[in-house]
Amino acid sequence: MGASSDPNPEASDEQQKRSEIYTYEAPWHIYAMSWSVRRDKKYRLSIASLLEHYPNRVEIVQLDDSNGEIRSDPNLAFEHPYPPTKTIFIPDKECQKPDLLATSSDFLRIWRISDDHSRVDLKSVLNGNKNSEFCGPLTSFDWNEAEPKRIGTSSIDTTCTIWDIERETVDTQLIAHDKELQRHQASANAIAWAPHSSCHICTAGDDSQALIWDLSSMGQPVEGGLDPILAYTAGAEIEQLQWSSSQPDWVAIAFSSKLQILRLEIHKGNIWLLIMRCKCQ
């Protein structure tokens, strides 16, 4: 009896191809990156450099799954002031909005990729400091999936700013983490929108606090300013924060060597902290 053959060699080749690791070698150290969520660009990412001098670089790369090559299009590479701390493509799976990429460094910048994918143009530069052309560096930002015109930024100057990127105006600004630390104010290090909501957002910072805010009153005068609806104090400065998109009642924070998961109860727009679970003690 002869050796058995694969009844479907094409399927076997495809499976082997899918299991490979694809590598792209950038000409500089990669610091920030993000996946595109558009259905017509499922293998597209943005990557950004970490260079010590002022001009840095952003590239948009694409995996060609027919040959396994990741290519950078020179027409979609551009110079960026300072190293971007984060990059995010617009959360628009159905391709109904302009193809946008947001980056954060000294300011929040919105870039538009042309319809024919031949170039990237700077659409707007958003500065939340109304009293100066300068602002504290942005540590992070998050794009609201439920309301894609909203982006929230966190800054080293303790403020968190909610932008309407269509009007290019500030919706609201939160003085989120203003505890003094050795004569310095506490940096706001991370920010994340609730995946179920267009108005709930969590911020975290060097004051060891994770704060959840209800922004449903944005644009309306609030006596005494807006206060968080929930506050949790961790054991050290909080460096990272993620709100689970698949389990919207879970928020993860990272501080020092600890990863801590906070469980929330969400009911009719109200949020309560139920329990804490610690991992990686």
Protein backbone atom coordinates (compact mmCIF):
# COMPACT_ATOMS: atom_id res chain seq x y z
CA MET A 1 0.00 0.00 0.00
CA GLY A 2 1.39 3.39 -0.98
CA ALA A 3 1.82 6.30 1.42
CA SER A 4 -1.43 8.08 2.23
CA SER A 5 -1.85 11.52 0.70
CA ASP A 6 -3.67 14.54 2.04
CA PRO A 7 -7.11 14.57 0.38
CA ASN A 8 -7.07 18.35 0.43
CA PRO A 9 -3.51 19.64 -0.02
CA GLU A 10 -4.68 23.20 -0.60
CA ALA A 11 -6.44 23.28 2.78
CA SER A 12 -3.30 21.86 4.42
CA ASP A 13 -1.13 24.54 2.82
CA GLU A 14 -3.56 27.22 3.96
CA GLN A 15 -3.54 25.90 7.53
CA GLN A 16 0.26 25.85 7.55
CA LYS A 17 0.41 29.38 6.20
CA ARG A 18 -2.01 30.65 8.85
CA SER A 19 0.08 29.16 11.66
CA GLU A 20 3.23 31.05 10.71
CA ILE A 21 4.70 34.01 12.54
CA TYR A 22 4.97 37.11 10.38
CA THR A 23 7.69 39.64 11.14
CA TYR A 24 8.25 43.21 10.04
CA GLU A 25 11.55 44.90 10.82
CA ALA A 26 11.06 48.63 11.37
CA PRO A 27 14.01 51.04 10.97
CA TRP A 28 13.60 52.19 14.59
CA HIS A 29 12.46 51.02 18.02
CA ILE A 30 8.67 50.46 18.03
CA TYR A 31 6.85 51.94 21.03
CA ALA A 32 3.16 52.41 20.12
CA MET A 33 0.98 50.32 17.82
CA SER A 34 -2.66 49.54 17.12
CA TRP A 35 -4.84 47.29 14.96
CA SER A 36 -7.25 48.66 12.42
CA VAL A 37 -10.81 47.39 13.00
CA ARG A 38 -12.18 48.13 9.52
CA ARG A 39 -13.53 45.01 7.83
CA ASP A 40 -11.74 45.91 4.61
CA LYS A 41 -8.38 46.34 6.40
CA LYS A 42 -8.27 43.39 8.78
CA TYR A 43 -4.47 42.93 8.60
CA ARG A 44 -3.53 46.59 8.98
CA LEU A 45 -1.63 48.14 11.90
CA SER A 46 -0.10 51.46 12.82
CA ILE A 47 3.34 51.51 14.45
CA ALA A 48 5.21 54.47 15.95
CA SER A 49 8.82 55.10 16.84
CA LEU A 50 10.62 55.85 20.09
CA LEU A 51 13.46 58.17 19.10
CA GLU A 52 15.29 60.55 21.41
CA HIS A 53 15.13 63.51 19.04
CA TYR A 54 12.07 65.66 18.25
CA PRO A 55 10.93 64.19 14.91
CA ASN A 56 9.61 60.65 15.21
CA ARG A 57 7.87 58.43 12.69
CA VAL A 58 4.55 56.66 12.22
CA GLU A 59 4.02 53.93 9.64
CA ILE A 60 0.91 52.07 8.52
CA VAL A 61 1.77 48.49 7.66
CA GLN A 62 -0.31 45.77 6.05
CA LEU A 63 0.02 41.98 6.06
CA ASP A 64 -0.40 40.41 2.63
CA ASP A 65 -1.76 37.00 3.61
CA SER A 66 -1.22 35.64 0.09
CA ASN A 67 2.56 35.65 0.57
CA GLY A 68 3.00 36.31 4.29
CA GLU A 69 4.79 39.64 3.88
CA ILE A 70 4.16 42.70 6.05
CA ARG A 71 4.68 45.80 3.96
CA SER A 72 4.98 49.46 4.86
CA ASP A 73 3.53 51.84 2.30
CA PRO A 74 5.86 54.86 1.95
CA ASN A 75 2.83 57.00 1.07
CA LEU A 76 1.29 56.17 4.46
CA ALA A 77 4.38 56.91 6.57
CA PHE A 78 4.76 60.31 8.15
CA GLU A 79 6.79 62.37 10.59
CA HIS A 80 5.42 62.92 14.10
CA PRO A 81 6.49 65.41 16.80
CA TYR A 82 7.91 63.48 19.78
CA PRO A 83 7.33 59.74 20.30
CA PRO A 84 3.60 58.92 20.23
CA THR A 85 2.48 57.41 23.52
CA LYS A 86 -0.43 55.69 21.80
CA THR A 87 -2.07 55.25 18.40
CA ILE A 88 -5.66 54.16 17.68
CA PHE A 89 -7.59 53.73 14.45
CA ILE A 90 -11.18 54.97 14.47
CA PRO A 91 -13.51 52.24 15.84
CA ASP A 92 -15.52 51.90 12.64
CA LYS A 93 -15.86 48.26 11.60
CA GLU A 94 -18.40 48.92 8.86
CA CYS A 95 -16.29 51.57 7.07
CA GLN A 96 -19.03 54.20 7.31
CA LYS A 97 -16.79 57.03 8.51
CA PRO A 98 -13.60 58.65 7.22
CA ASP A 99 -10.53 56.48 7.77
CA LEU A 100 -8.90 58.20 10.76
CA LEU A 101 -5.90 57.53 12.98
CA ALA A 102 -5.38 59.30 16.31
CA THR A 103 -2.02 59.75 18.05
CA SER A 104 -1.00 61.25 21.38
CA SER A 105 2.22 62.97 22.44
CA ASP A 106 2.35 66.69 23.28
CA PHE A 107 -1.14 67.07 21.76
CA LEU A 108 -3.89 64.83 20.45
CA ARG A 109 -3.59 64.62 16.68
CA ILE A 110 -6.13 63.27 14.22
CA TRP A 111 -4.85 62.04 10.86
CA ARG A 112 -6.97 61.18 7.82
CA ILE A 113 -6.04 58.43 5.40
CA SER A 114 -7.22 59.37 1.92
CA ASP A 115 -9.97 57.33 0.27
CA ASP A 116 -7.55 56.02 -2.34
CA HIS A 117 -4.99 55.23 0.41
CA SER A 118 -2.37 57.35 -1.33
CA ARG A 119 -1.52 59.69 1.55
CA VAL A 120 -2.08 60.65 5.19
CA ASP A 121 -3.09 64.22 6.02
CA LEU A 122 -3.08 65.93 9.41
CA LYS A 123 -6.73 66.75 10.10
CA SER A 124 -6.50 68.44 13.50
CA VAL A 125 -4.21 69.21 16.43
CA LEU A 126 -6.17 69.37 19.68
CA ASN A 127 -4.78 71.24 22.69
CA GLY A 128 -6.78 71.06 25.91
CA ASN A 129 -4.92 73.93 27.58
CA LYS A 130 -6.89 77.05 26.65
CA ASN A 131 -4.45 79.38 28.38
CA SER A 132 -1.31 78.32 26.57
CA GLU A 133 -0.12 76.89 23.29
CA PHE A 134 1.73 74.32 25.39
CA CYS A 135 0.24 71.48 27.43
CA GLY A 136 1.38 68.64 29.64
CA PRO A 137 2.36 65.56 27.63
CA LEU A 138 -0.48 63.12 27.03
CA THR A 139 0.12 59.76 28.68
CA SER A 140 -2.72 57.90 26.96
CA PHE A 141 -6.12 58.20 25.30
CA ASP A 142 -9.11 56.08 24.35
CA TRP A 143 -11.63 56.27 21.51
CA ASN A 144 -15.28 55.77 22.42
CA GLU A 145 -16.70 52.88 20.39
CA ALA A 146 -20.32 53.71 21.22
CA GLU A 147 -19.87 57.37 20.22
CA PRO A 148 -16.87 57.57 17.85
CA LYS A 149 -16.84 61.36 17.82
CA ARG A 150 -15.53 61.25 21.42
CA ILE A 151 -11.95 60.71 22.49
CA GLY A 152 -10.75 60.92 26.09
CA THR A 153 -7.14 61.84 26.87
CA SER A 154 -5.09 61.60 30.07
CA SER A 155 -2.21 63.95 30.80
CA ILE A 156 0.82 64.23 32.99
CA ASP A 157 -0.62 67.55 34.25
CA THR A 158 -3.41 65.57 36.06
CA THR A 159 -6.20 66.53 33.66
CA CYS A 160 -8.36 64.23 31.57
CA THR A 161 -10.03 65.85 28.58
CA ILE A 162 -13.04 64.65 26.61
CA TRP A 163 -12.93 65.81 23.00
CA ASP A 164 -15.59 66.08 20.34
CA ILE A 165 -13.30 65.46 17.38
CA GLU A 166 -15.98 66.34 14.82
CA ARG A 167 -16.36 69.87 16.22
CA GLU A 168 -12.73 69.90 17.40
CA THR A 169 -13.82 71.24 20.78
CA VAL A 170 -13.54 70.15 24.42
CA ASP A 171 -16.72 68.54 25.75
CA THR A 172 -15.47 68.55 29.31
CA GLN A 173 -12.24 68.52 31.30
CA LEU A 174 -11.79 66.52 34.47
CA ILE A 175 -9.28 67.51 37.14
CA ALA A 176 -9.00 63.86 37.87
CA HIS A 177 -5.90 63.15 39.90
CA ASP A 178 -4.65 66.24 41.71
CA LYS A 179 -3.09 64.81 44.84
CA GLU A 180 0.29 66.43 45.48
CA LEU A 181 3.25 64.07 45.45
CA GLN A 182 6.49 65.56 46.75
CA ARG A 183 5.51 69.02 45.43
CA HIS A 184 4.45 67.55 42.10
CA GLN A 185 0.91 66.85 41.03
CA ALA A 186 -0.05 63.30 40.19
CA SER A 187 0.00 62.29 36.57
CA ALA A 188 -3.10 60.74 35.03
CA ASN A 189 -1.58 57.66 33.43
CA ALA A 190 -4.45 55.80 31.81
CA ILE A 191 -8.00 56.26 30.57
CA ALA A 192 -10.61 53.83 29.23
CA TRP A 193 -14.20 54.13 28.08
CA ALA A 194 -16.79 51.63 29.29
CA PRO A 195 -17.55 49.37 26.31
CA HIS A 196 -21.28 49.50 27.06
CA SER A 197 -21.59 53.26 27.29
CA SER A 198 -20.93 56.56 25.57
CA CYS A 199 -20.72 58.46 28.86
CA HIS A 200 -18.90 56.29 31.43
CA ILE A 201 -15.12 56.49 31.59
CA CYS A 202 -12.42 55.31 34.00
CA THR A 203 -9.18 57.16 34.74
CA ALA A 204 -6.17 56.13 36.82
CA GLY A 205 -3.01 57.86 37.97
CA ASP A 206 -0.06 58.39 40.25
CA ASP A 207 -2.37 59.20 43.18
CA SER A 208 -3.11 55.43 43.27
CA GLN A 209 -6.75 56.03 42.42
CA ALA A 210 -9.00 54.52 39.77
CA LEU A 211 -11.96 56.83 39.22
CA ILE A 212 -15.14 56.19 37.24
CA TRP A 213 -17.03 59.18 35.87
CA ASP A 214 -20.53 59.62 34.50
CA LEU A 215 -20.32 62.19 31.72
CA SER A 216 -24.01 62.17 30.81
CA SER A 217 -24.26 65.77 32.05
CA MET A 218 -21.54 67.02 29.69
CA GLY A 219 -22.37 70.45 28.35
CA GLN A 220 -24.60 71.29 31.32
CA PRO A 221 -23.50 73.47 34.25
CA VAL A 222 -22.69 71.35 37.31
CA GLU A 223 -22.42 73.15 40.63
CA GLY A 224 -19.03 72.56 42.19
CA GLY A 225 -17.76 70.67 39.15
CA LEU A 226 -18.07 67.04 38.19
CA ASP A 227 -17.20 64.39 40.77
CA PRO A 228 -16.43 60.73 40.08
CA ILE A 229 -19.24 58.29 40.81
CA LEU A 230 -16.81 55.66 42.05
CA ALA A 231 -13.29 55.78 43.47
CA TYR A 232 -10.94 52.93 44.32
CA THR A 233 -7.53 53.35 45.94
CA ALA A 234 -4.82 50.87 45.02
CA GLY A 235 -1.61 50.10 46.88
CA ALA A 236 0.63 52.18 44.61
CA GLU A 237 0.63 54.44 41.58
CA ILE A 238 -1.59 52.94 38.86
CA GLU A 239 0.29 52.68 35.57
CA GLN A 240 -2.15 50.82 33.34
CA LEU A 241 -5.91 50.40 33.03
CA GLN A 242 -8.09 48.26 30.77
CA TRP A 243 -11.90 47.98 30.72
CA SER A 244 -12.85 44.56 29.34
CA SER A 245 -14.75 44.80 26.06
CA SER A 246 -16.11 41.25 26.33
CA GLN A 247 -16.89 41.42 30.08
CA PRO A 248 -18.01 45.04 30.67
CA ASP A 249 -18.37 44.52 34.42
CA TRP A 250 -14.61 43.96 34.82
CA VAL A 251 -11.89 46.61 34.98
CA ALA A 252 -8.20 45.65 35.25
CA ILE A 253 -5.56 47.93 36.76
CA ALA A 254 -1.81 47.44 37.13
CA PHE A 255 0.38 48.97 39.83
CA SER A 256 3.86 48.01 40.93
CA SER A 257 4.08 44.22 40.45
CA LYS A 258 0.36 43.65 40.87
CA LEU A 259 -2.47 43.15 38.42
CA GLN A 260 -5.80 43.78 40.12
CA ILE A 261 -9.24 43.12 38.69
CA LEU A 262 -12.21 45.13 39.94
CA ARG A 263 -15.69 43.77 39.47
CA LEU A 264 -18.49 46.26 38.91
CA GLU A 265 -22.24 45.96 38.97
CA ILE A 266 -23.82 47.80 36.07
CA HIS A 267 -27.59 48.32 36.09
CA LYS A 268 -29.53 50.91 34.10
CA GLY A 269 -26.51 53.17 33.77
CA ASN A 270 -25.54 52.96 37.46
CA ILE A 271 -22.22 51.42 38.49
CA TRP A 272 -21.15 49.94 41.83
CA LEU A 273 -17.92 48.31 42.92
CA LEU A 274 -18.72 44.81 44.15
CA ILE A 275 -15.51 42.89 44.80
CA MET A 276 -11.81 42.97 44.09
CA ARG A 277 -9.75 40.06 42.88
CA CYS A 278 -5.99 40.16 42.88
CA LYS A 279 -3.75 38.37 40.42
CA CYS A 280 0.03 38.18 40.08
CA GLN A 281 0.70 38.92 43.73
